[in-house]
Amino acid sequence: MSKKLFSDTEIQKLKQNPNVRNVSPLAITYSDAFKRIFVERYLAGELPRAIFEAYHFDVSVLGMKRVEQCANRWKKAYEKDSVIGLMDNRKGAQKMPKRVLTPEETIQRQQAKIALLEEQVTVLKKLEKIEGRCFTRKDKLTTDMKFQWIQTLVMDDGFTRFTSYFCRLLEVSRSGYYRYIQCQAHRKQREKQDEIARDLIRKAFQRRGFKKGARSIKMVLENEFNMIYSRKKIRRIMRKYNIVCPHRKPNPYRRIATATKEHRVIPNKLKRQFKQGIPGKVLLTDITYLPYGQRKMAYLSTIKDGSTNEILAYHVSDRITLDIAIQTIKKLKKRRHLLHKEAFIHSDQGSHYTSPVYQKLLKKHRLGQSMSRRGNCWDNAPQESFFGHFKDDIDSRSFDTLAALKSKIDDYMVYYNNYRYQWNLKKMAPVQYRNHLLASA
């Protein structure tokens, strides 16, 4: 269509031409007879302008561009469909008589309309349910879950033309959804890689029967599986596959029981200088309780090397008498070769350690003594930390007898000293770190 508009005078003049069927300010419709004559003469070699002027058309009124467009359009239509292609088949150009439908045809059409309406009602009901779910759950869904839901609705449930609608409903971008579809192969590949990492991390997590956190898992993977994963990746895999490490509950009782006045308190010689880099010099000790069986209680006394974190001696008893501390010292005496000549034992101000009998025994074995300040558990923090991790790894309530509990503790001490890698020990186990310090001394 040409952009040239016809004035009212030009319209009246064009309507008088018998070769014009209809004319408006924007367009003009020619008769089928004129179009056939034009094509015949045009193919014979005449120019379009000459043909239009021969049939009383003012080319200056029509515009030469409109004349050329008509010639090009009619020629293509004639070459494609012959004379039929030149006929005007637009609505209103020819009035075809309406065929009267038979009663059977009328019933069929009405049934088809009813079926279509029922299908539309079903679709609307589905959409109403989907909308309800979207509004109640969209805040709980991640973006990937929303994209996956849209994909299910569009591809599986047949809502192929509702992609934009569902994206608006779930408040996600349509471009993001299509990018999600395009990256499915990459996600599947990454999922396979995550599953491989998950299996390795689970093996390290359960290694030697004790659960571990991200740092311990990283060290186990490096030392025993020759696999290096970042802590960020390990934590992501643990979150993704719900691999949960037990966490210590904070102790609400920060104050340690005060010593009796009859016993003598020793000054704090250590002053929190736990890591002195000398194996066997700083020895930390304490006692913790272990409930087991039916309302039974056991007690664990340990002596820990402050520099290497190695448990040098421990004793388990069902009585919290002075004997538990005495027996721990006697077991330590058997490992005298691991102690430094200036070794001293640091403890809290509990009655076991302020006892004259206990202090006399330390002097007999040429061991110095130091005590935390009154009511200050932080002065013996590494020992308290060990008990916390110990109770994370061992559920003492699951044992019915003291013998079974002792056997489990024996296994744990072997694991802790030889196989539990620690971040602040240059990713080594306590015994391994002790040998490292001795070798570099």
Protein backbone atom coordinates (compact mmCIF):
# COMPACT_ATOMS: atom_id res chain seq x y z
CA MET A 1 0.00 0.00 0.00
CA SER A 2 1.30 3.47 -0.94
CA LYS A 3 1.56 6.16 1.72
CA LYS A 4 -0.19 8.67 -0.65
CA LEU A 5 -3.67 9.60 0.63
CA PHE A 6 -6.62 10.46 -1.58
CA SER A 7 -8.57 13.67 -1.09
CA ASP A 8 -12.38 13.75 -1.24
CA THR A 9 -12.27 15.22 -4.76
CA GLU A 10 -9.87 12.52 -5.95
CA ILE A 11 -12.05 9.82 -4.37
CA GLN A 12 -15.13 11.06 -6.22
CA LYS A 13 -13.22 11.16 -9.49
CA LEU A 14 -11.83 7.62 -9.03
CA LYS A 15 -15.28 6.21 -8.17
CA GLN A 16 -16.49 7.32 -11.60
CA ASN A 17 -13.97 5.00 -13.27
CA PRO A 18 -15.70 1.65 -14.11
CA ASN A 19 -12.47 -0.24 -13.40
CA VAL A 20 -12.54 0.75 -9.71
CA ARG A 21 -14.51 -1.42 -7.28
CA ASN A 22 -13.93 0.60 -4.13
CA VAL A 23 -11.78 3.49 -2.96
CA SER A 24 -10.95 5.07 0.41
CA PRO A 25 -8.47 7.75 1.51
CA LEU A 26 -5.91 5.00 2.14
CA ALA A 27 -6.50 2.39 -0.57
CA ILE A 28 -8.12 1.57 -3.86
CA THR A 29 -9.58 -1.76 -5.08
CA TYR A 30 -9.60 -2.57 -8.81
CA SER A 31 -12.01 -4.80 -10.67
CA ASP A 32 -10.96 -8.35 -11.55
CA ALA A 33 -11.52 -7.63 -15.28
CA PHE A 34 -9.09 -4.72 -15.22
CA LYS A 35 -6.46 -6.80 -13.43
CA ARG A 36 -6.70 -9.53 -16.11
CA ILE A 37 -6.42 -7.00 -18.93
CA PHE A 38 -3.48 -5.28 -17.18
CA VAL A 39 -1.55 -8.52 -16.82
CA GLU A 40 -2.13 -9.53 -20.44
CA ARG A 41 -0.91 -6.18 -21.79
CA TYR A 42 1.93 -5.98 -19.23
CA LEU A 43 3.23 -9.38 -20.23
CA ALA A 44 2.94 -8.29 -23.86
CA GLY A 45 5.51 -5.59 -23.16
CA GLU A 46 3.50 -2.47 -22.37
CA LEU A 47 4.51 -0.21 -19.50
CA PRO A 48 2.34 -0.07 -16.36
CA ARG A 49 1.91 3.70 -16.62
CA ALA A 50 0.66 3.46 -20.23
CA ILE A 51 -1.85 0.72 -19.33
CA PHE A 52 -3.31 2.71 -16.41
CA GLU A 53 -3.61 5.88 -18.52
CA ALA A 54 -5.26 3.91 -21.33
CA TYR A 55 -8.04 2.98 -18.91
CA HIS A 56 -8.60 6.57 -17.77
CA PHE A 57 -6.50 6.55 -14.57
CA ASP A 58 -4.62 9.71 -13.60
CA VAL A 59 -1.20 8.42 -12.62
CA SER A 60 -0.38 11.70 -10.83
CA VAL A 61 -3.38 11.05 -8.55
CA LEU A 62 -2.59 7.37 -7.96
CA GLY A 63 1.14 7.87 -7.58
CA MET A 64 3.73 6.03 -9.63
CA LYS A 65 4.77 3.91 -6.61
CA ARG A 66 1.24 2.52 -6.26
CA VAL A 67 1.16 1.68 -9.99
CA GLU A 68 4.49 -0.20 -9.80
CA GLN A 69 3.39 -2.10 -6.67
CA CYS A 70 0.16 -3.21 -8.39
CA ALA A 71 2.09 -4.39 -11.45
CA ASN A 72 4.52 -6.41 -9.33
CA ARG A 73 1.80 -7.90 -7.12
CA TRP A 74 -0.55 -8.89 -9.95
CA LYS A 75 2.27 -10.43 -11.99
CA LYS A 76 3.31 -12.69 -9.09
CA ALA A 77 -0.29 -13.70 -8.39
CA TYR A 78 -0.84 -14.57 -12.07
CA GLU A 79 2.37 -16.62 -12.28
CA LYS A 80 1.38 -18.56 -9.18
CA ASP A 81 -2.34 -19.24 -9.65
CA SER A 82 -3.08 -17.95 -13.15
CA VAL A 83 -6.34 -15.99 -13.49
CA ILE A 84 -7.66 -17.26 -10.13
CA GLY A 85 -4.82 -15.48 -8.38
CA LEU A 86 -6.11 -12.15 -9.70
CA MET A 87 -9.58 -12.61 -8.18
CA ASP A 88 -10.43 -10.65 -5.05
CA ASN A 89 -11.24 -13.26 -2.37
CA ARG A 90 -11.34 -10.90 0.59
CA LYS A 91 -14.29 -10.88 2.93
CA GLY A 92 -17.11 -8.91 1.37
CA ALA A 93 -15.60 -9.04 -2.11
CA GLN A 94 -17.89 -11.86 -3.15
CA LYS A 95 -20.99 -12.94 -1.36
CA MET A 96 -21.26 -16.69 -1.39
CA PRO A 97 -24.63 -18.19 -0.57
CA LYS A 98 -24.72 -19.86 2.86
CA ARG A 99 -25.26 -23.60 2.92
CA VAL A 100 -28.11 -24.75 5.09
CA LEU A 101 -26.88 -27.26 7.70
CA THR A 102 -28.67 -30.53 8.25
CA PRO A 103 -29.98 -31.34 11.77
CA GLU A 104 -27.17 -33.89 12.25
CA GLU A 105 -24.50 -31.34 11.32
CA THR A 106 -26.04 -28.78 13.67
CA ILE A 107 -25.97 -31.28 16.55
CA GLN A 108 -22.33 -32.18 15.82
CA ARG A 109 -21.29 -28.52 15.84
CA GLN A 110 -23.11 -27.86 19.09
CA GLN A 111 -21.50 -30.93 20.69
CA ALA A 112 -18.06 -29.73 19.54
CA LYS A 113 -18.71 -26.30 21.11
CA ILE A 114 -19.82 -27.95 24.38
CA ALA A 115 -16.70 -30.16 24.46
CA LEU A 116 -14.50 -27.11 23.84
CA LEU A 117 -16.18 -25.17 26.66
CA GLU A 118 -15.83 -28.11 29.05
CA GLU A 119 -12.13 -28.38 28.21
CA GLN A 120 -11.69 -24.65 28.81
CA VAL A 121 -13.44 -24.94 32.20
CA THR A 122 -11.11 -27.83 33.15
CA VAL A 123 -8.06 -25.76 32.22
CA LEU A 124 -9.34 -22.81 34.23
CA LYS A 125 -9.89 -25.03 37.29
CA LYS A 126 -6.34 -26.35 36.98
CA LEU A 127 -4.99 -22.82 36.70
CA GLU A 128 -6.96 -21.77 39.77
CA LYS A 129 -5.42 -24.61 41.81
CA ILE A 130 -1.94 -23.77 40.50
CA GLU A 131 -2.41 -20.10 41.42
CA GLY A 132 -3.40 -21.09 44.94
CA ARG A 133 -0.30 -23.25 45.32
CA CYS A 134 1.92 -20.52 43.91
CA PHE A 135 0.71 -17.90 46.38
CA THR A 136 1.04 -20.20 49.39
CA ARG A 137 4.41 -21.76 48.50
CA LYS A 138 6.36 -19.25 46.40
CA ASP A 139 8.14 -17.78 49.46
CA LYS A 140 9.29 -21.28 50.47
CA LEU A 141 10.61 -22.27 47.03
CA THR A 142 14.11 -21.60 45.78
CA THR A 143 14.58 -20.14 42.31
CA ASP A 144 15.64 -23.52 40.89
CA MET A 145 12.57 -25.17 42.41
CA LYS A 146 10.34 -22.52 40.79
CA PHE A 147 11.96 -23.10 37.38
CA GLN A 148 11.54 -26.85 37.77
CA TRP A 149 7.88 -26.41 38.64
CA ILE A 150 7.28 -24.18 35.59
CA GLN A 151 8.99 -26.76 33.37
CA THR A 152 6.69 -29.49 34.70
CA LEU A 153 3.58 -27.39 34.11
CA VAL A 154 4.60 -26.31 30.61
CA MET A 155 6.04 -29.56 29.25
CA ASP A 156 4.22 -32.29 31.17
CA ASP A 157 0.82 -30.75 31.95
CA GLY A 158 0.36 -29.13 28.55
CA PHE A 159 0.35 -25.43 29.50
CA THR A 160 2.64 -24.62 26.58
CA ARG A 161 1.42 -21.04 26.15
CA PHE A 162 1.50 -20.06 29.82
CA THR A 163 5.26 -19.70 30.34
CA SER A 164 5.17 -15.92 30.79
CA TYR A 165 2.12 -16.18 33.04
CA PHE A 166 3.74 -18.71 35.38
CA CYS A 167 6.98 -16.68 35.50
CA ARG A 168 5.04 -13.59 36.60
CA LEU A 169 3.05 -15.64 39.11
CA LEU A 170 6.19 -17.07 40.74
CA GLU A 171 8.10 -13.77 40.44
CA VAL A 172 10.98 -15.08 38.32
CA SER A 173 12.30 -13.80 35.00
CA ARG A 174 11.38 -15.53 31.78
CA SER A 175 14.96 -15.22 30.48
CA GLY A 176 16.17 -16.93 33.67
CA TYR A 177 13.73 -19.79 33.07
CA TYR A 178 14.93 -20.31 29.48
CA ARG A 179 18.54 -20.18 30.67
CA TYR A 180 17.63 -22.85 33.25
CA ILE A 181 16.27 -25.04 30.44
CA GLN A 182 19.39 -24.55 28.30
CA CYS A 183 21.75 -25.46 31.18
CA GLN A 184 20.10 -28.77 32.08
CA ALA A 185 22.95 -30.84 30.65
CA HIS A 186 25.50 -28.81 32.63
CA ARG A 187 23.46 -29.24 35.84
CA LYS A 188 23.24 -33.00 35.34
CA GLN A 189 27.02 -33.17 34.89
CA ARG A 190 27.56 -31.10 38.03
CA GLU A 191 25.09 -33.28 39.92
CA LYS A 192 27.13 -36.37 39.03
CA GLN A 193 30.30 -34.65 40.25
CA ASP A 194 28.56 -33.68 43.50
CA GLU A 195 27.43 -37.28 44.02
CA ILE A 196 31.02 -38.50 43.64
CA ALA A 197 32.19 -35.86 46.14
CA ARG A 198 29.30 -36.80 48.46
CA ASP A 199 30.36 -40.46 48.57
CA LEU A 200 33.97 -39.50 49.39
CA ILE A 201 32.91 -37.00 52.05
CA ARG A 202 30.60 -39.57 53.66
CA LYS A 203 33.46 -42.06 53.83
CA ALA A 204 35.66 -39.45 55.52
CA PHE A 205 32.73 -38.37 57.74
CA GLN A 206 32.31 -41.92 59.09
CA ARG A 207 36.02 -42.81 58.97
CA ARG A 208 36.99 -45.06 61.91
CA GLY A 209 33.47 -44.85 63.32
CA PHE A 210 33.44 -41.21 64.48
CA LYS A 211 31.60 -38.31 62.85
CA LYS A 212 33.57 -35.23 61.83
CA GLY A 213 33.16 -31.61 60.81
CA ALA A 214 34.32 -29.91 57.60
CA ARG A 215 37.87 -29.30 58.81
CA SER A 216 38.39 -32.86 60.00
CA ILE A 217 36.88 -34.20 56.76
CA LYS A 218 39.27 -32.06 54.71
CA MET A 219 42.28 -33.40 56.61
CA VAL A 220 41.10 -37.02 56.36
CA LEU A 221 40.56 -36.64 52.60
CA GLU A 222 44.06 -35.22 52.15
CA ASN A 223 45.88 -37.70 54.42
CA GLU A 224 44.00 -40.93 53.76
CA PHE A 225 42.27 -40.52 50.38
CA ASN A 226 44.79 -38.24 48.58
CA MET A 227 41.91 -35.95 47.62
CA ILE A 228 41.97 -32.18 48.09
CA TYR A 229 38.62 -30.39 48.51
CA SER A 230 38.18 -26.85 49.77
CA ARG A 231 36.29 -26.38 53.03
CA LYS A 232 33.73 -24.31 51.12
CA LYS A 233 32.96 -27.23 48.80
CA ILE A 234 32.83 -29.71 51.69
CA ARG A 235 30.37 -27.52 53.58
CA ARG A 236 28.23 -27.07 50.42
CA ILE A 237 28.06 -30.83 49.85
CA MET A 238 27.26 -31.43 53.53
CA ARG A 239 24.40 -28.92 53.39
CA LYS A 240 23.10 -30.28 50.09
CA TYR A 241 22.98 -33.92 51.22
CA ASN A 242 22.18 -33.24 54.89
CA ILE A 243 25.45 -34.62 56.28
CA VAL A 244 25.25 -33.19 59.79
CA CYS A 245 28.11 -33.16 62.25
CA PRO A 246 27.00 -33.13 65.92
CA HIS A 247 27.64 -29.77 67.56
CA ARG A 248 28.52 -29.22 71.13
CA LYS A 249 25.88 -27.48 73.17
CA PRO A 250 27.22 -24.44 75.02
CA ASN A 251 27.81 -25.10 78.68
CA PRO A 252 25.58 -22.75 80.72
CA TYR A 253 27.67 -23.26 83.80
CA ARG A 254 30.85 -21.30 83.30
CA ARG A 255 31.94 -21.31 86.83
CA ILE A 256 33.85 -24.31 88.14
CA ALA A 257 33.21 -25.53 91.66
CA THR A 258 35.45 -23.88 94.21
CA ALA A 259 37.99 -25.88 96.14
CA THR A 260 37.54 -26.58 99.81
CA LYS A 261 39.40 -24.28 102.18
CA GLU A 262 41.23 -27.19 103.78
CA HIS A 263 43.12 -27.90 100.57
CA ARG A 264 45.94 -25.78 99.25
CA VAL A 265 45.51 -23.81 96.00
CA ILE A 266 48.53 -23.53 93.69
CA PRO A 267 49.19 -20.30 91.69
CA ASN A 268 48.46 -20.16 87.96
CA LYS A 269 51.86 -20.96 86.48
CA LEU A 270 50.57 -21.57 82.95
CA LYS A 271 48.65 -18.29 82.33
CA ARG A 272 46.99 -19.72 79.22
CA GLN A 273 50.27 -20.33 77.39
CA PHE A 274 49.08 -23.73 76.23
CA LYS A 275 51.08 -23.97 72.99
CA GLN A 276 54.74 -23.74 73.99
CA GLY A 277 55.97 -26.00 71.18
CA ILE A 278 57.60 -28.42 73.65
CA PRO A 279 56.01 -31.90 73.80
CA GLY A 280 55.43 -33.28 77.30
CA LYS A 281 55.92 -30.00 79.17
CA VAL A 282 52.43 -28.49 79.59
CA LEU A 283 50.05 -31.20 80.88
CA LEU A 284 46.35 -30.38 81.28
CA THR A 285 44.01 -32.49 83.40
CA ASP A 286 40.35 -32.56 84.38
CA ILE A 287 37.45 -34.94 85.11
CA THR A 288 34.12 -35.20 83.29
CA TYR A 289 30.97 -37.23 83.94
CA LEU A 290 29.54 -39.86 81.54
CA PRO A 291 25.95 -41.04 82.18
CA TYR A 292 25.23 -44.57 80.95
CA GLY A 293 22.71 -47.41 81.33
CA GLN A 294 19.75 -46.91 83.66
CA ARG A 295 20.64 -43.80 85.67
CA LYS A 296 24.25 -44.87 86.12
CA MET A 297 27.22 -42.52 86.08
CA ALA A 298 30.83 -43.01 85.04
CA TYR A 299 33.70 -40.52 85.27
CA LEU A 300 36.62 -39.94 82.93
CA SER A 301 39.91 -38.38 84.05
CA THR A 302 42.45 -37.41 81.38
CA ILE A 303 45.87 -35.81 81.08
CA LYS A 304 46.39 -33.94 77.81
CA ASP A 305 49.60 -32.57 76.30
CA GLY A 306 48.95 -28.85 75.79
CA SER A 307 51.40 -28.56 72.87
CA THR A 308 50.39 -31.64 70.85
CA ASN A 309 46.81 -32.27 72.13
CA GLU A 310 47.77 -35.91 72.72
CA ILE A 311 45.97 -37.75 75.53
CA LEU A 312 48.91 -39.13 77.52
CA ALA A 313 46.90 -40.90 80.23
CA TYR A 314 43.24 -41.49 81.15
CA HIS A 315 41.24 -43.46 83.67
CA VAL A 316 37.54 -44.41 83.77
CA SER A 317 35.73 -45.14 87.03
CA ASP A 318 32.20 -45.36 88.37
CA ARG A 319 33.27 -43.39 91.47
CA ILE A 320 34.46 -39.79 91.59
CA THR A 321 36.79 -40.26 94.51
CA LEU A 322 40.38 -39.09 94.81
CA ASP A 323 41.46 -42.45 93.43
CA ILE A 324 40.43 -41.49 89.87
CA ALA A 325 43.01 -38.67 89.81
CA ILE A 326 45.64 -40.83 91.53
CA GLN A 327 45.23 -43.65 88.99
CA THR A 328 45.56 -41.20 86.11
CA ILE A 329 48.93 -40.00 87.48
CA LYS A 330 50.11 -43.59 87.91
CA LYS A 331 49.28 -44.33 84.26
CA LEU A 332 51.11 -41.17 83.25
CA LYS A 333 54.19 -42.44 85.13
CA LYS A 334 54.34 -45.41 82.74
CA ARG A 335 54.86 -42.94 79.89
CA ARG A 336 57.56 -40.95 81.66
CA HIS A 337 59.74 -41.12 78.52
CA LEU A 338 57.32 -38.73 76.77
CA LEU A 339 57.55 -36.06 79.46
CA HIS A 340 59.85 -33.06 79.56
CA LYS A 341 62.17 -32.56 82.52
CA GLU A 342 60.26 -29.38 83.43
CA ALA A 343 56.82 -30.96 83.00
CA PHE A 344 53.98 -29.64 85.16
CA ILE A 345 50.27 -30.45 85.43
CA HIS A 346 47.68 -27.68 85.14
CA SER A 347 44.16 -28.21 86.50
CA ASP A 348 41.21 -26.36 87.98
CA GLN A 349 40.80 -25.85 91.74
CA GLY A 350 38.81 -29.06 92.21
CA SER A 351 39.11 -30.96 95.47
CA HIS A 352 41.03 -33.78 93.75
CA TYR A 353 43.85 -31.46 92.71
CA THR A 354 44.01 -29.41 95.91
CA SER A 355 44.23 -32.58 97.96
CA PRO A 356 47.51 -32.94 99.93
CA VAL A 357 47.69 -36.61 98.85
CA TYR A 358 47.52 -35.66 95.18
CA GLN A 359 50.05 -32.84 95.51
CA LYS A 360 52.44 -35.11 97.38
CA LEU A 361 52.19 -37.70 94.60
CA LEU A 362 53.14 -35.05 91.98
CA LYS A 363 56.21 -34.07 93.99
CA LYS A 364 57.19 -37.72 94.26
CA HIS A 365 57.16 -38.05 90.47
CA ARG A 366 58.94 -34.70 90.03
CA LEU A 367 55.99 -33.03 88.36
CA GLY A 368 55.21 -29.36 88.84
CA GLN A 369 51.68 -28.06 89.41
CA SER A 370 49.59 -25.12 88.25
CA MET A 371 45.93 -24.20 88.77
CA SER A 372 43.36 -22.08 86.99
CA ARG A 373 42.07 -18.98 88.64
CA ARG A 374 39.02 -19.40 90.82
CA GLY A 375 35.86 -19.99 88.75
CA ASN A 376 37.62 -19.40 85.43
CA CYS A 377 37.19 -22.35 83.06
CA TRP A 378 39.01 -20.53 80.23
CA ASP A 379 42.34 -21.06 82.02
CA ASN A 380 42.01 -24.76 81.10
CA ALA A 381 40.17 -24.29 77.81
CA PRO A 382 41.91 -26.99 75.68
CA GLN A 383 41.00 -29.68 78.19
CA GLU A 384 37.38 -28.50 78.33
CA SER A 385 37.33 -28.44 74.52
CA PHE A 386 38.51 -32.06 74.38
CA PHE A 387 35.67 -33.21 76.62
CA GLY A 388 33.20 -31.33 74.43
CA HIS A 389 34.39 -33.05 71.23
CA PHE A 390 34.58 -36.37 73.06
CA LYS A 391 30.90 -36.16 74.02
CA ASP A 392 29.98 -35.16 70.46
CA ASP A 393 31.57 -38.36 69.14
CA ILE A 394 30.54 -40.80 71.88
CA ASP A 395 27.00 -41.12 73.21
CA SER A 396 27.67 -42.67 76.61
CA ARG A 397 23.92 -43.18 77.24
CA SER A 398 23.83 -45.84 74.50
CA PHE A 399 25.97 -48.21 76.61
CA ASP A 400 24.37 -50.45 79.20
CA THR A 401 27.51 -51.57 81.05
CA LEU A 402 30.66 -49.86 82.27
CA ALA A 403 32.80 -52.46 80.49
CA ALA A 404 31.22 -51.63 77.11
CA LEU A 405 31.73 -47.92 77.75
CA LYS A 406 35.40 -48.45 78.68
CA SER A 407 35.98 -50.48 75.50
CA LYS A 408 34.52 -47.69 73.38
CA ILE A 409 36.66 -45.09 75.17
CA ASP A 410 39.79 -47.19 74.52
CA ASP A 411 38.96 -47.27 70.79
CA TYR A 412 38.31 -43.53 70.76
CA MET A 413 41.61 -42.66 72.45
CA VAL A 414 43.52 -44.67 69.81
CA TYR A 415 41.56 -42.89 67.08
CA TYR A 416 41.99 -39.44 68.64
CA ASN A 417 45.74 -39.71 69.18
CA ASN A 418 46.64 -41.38 65.89
CA TYR A 419 43.98 -40.61 63.30
CA ARG A 420 42.04 -37.47 64.24
CA TYR A 421 43.70 -34.76 62.18
CA GLN A 422 43.46 -31.27 63.65
CA TRP A 423 43.54 -27.98 61.83
CA ASN A 424 45.71 -26.13 64.35
CA LEU A 425 48.28 -28.95 64.36
CA LYS A 426 49.25 -28.31 60.74
CA LYS A 427 46.55 -30.80 59.73
CA MET A 428 48.31 -33.64 61.60
CA ALA A 429 47.11 -36.09 64.24
CA PRO A 430 48.46 -35.48 67.80
CA VAL A 431 51.07 -38.30 67.73
CA GLN A 432 52.14 -37.26 64.24
CA TYR A 433 52.51 -33.64 65.39
CA ARG A 434 54.48 -34.70 68.48
CA ASN A 435 56.99 -36.55 66.27
CA HIS A 436 57.13 -33.51 64.00
CA LEU A 437 58.02 -31.21 66.92
CA LEU A 438 60.65 -33.60 68.22
CA ALA A 439 62.21 -33.96 64.78
CA SER A 440 62.42 -30.18 64.27
CA ALA A 441 63.77 -29.45 67.77
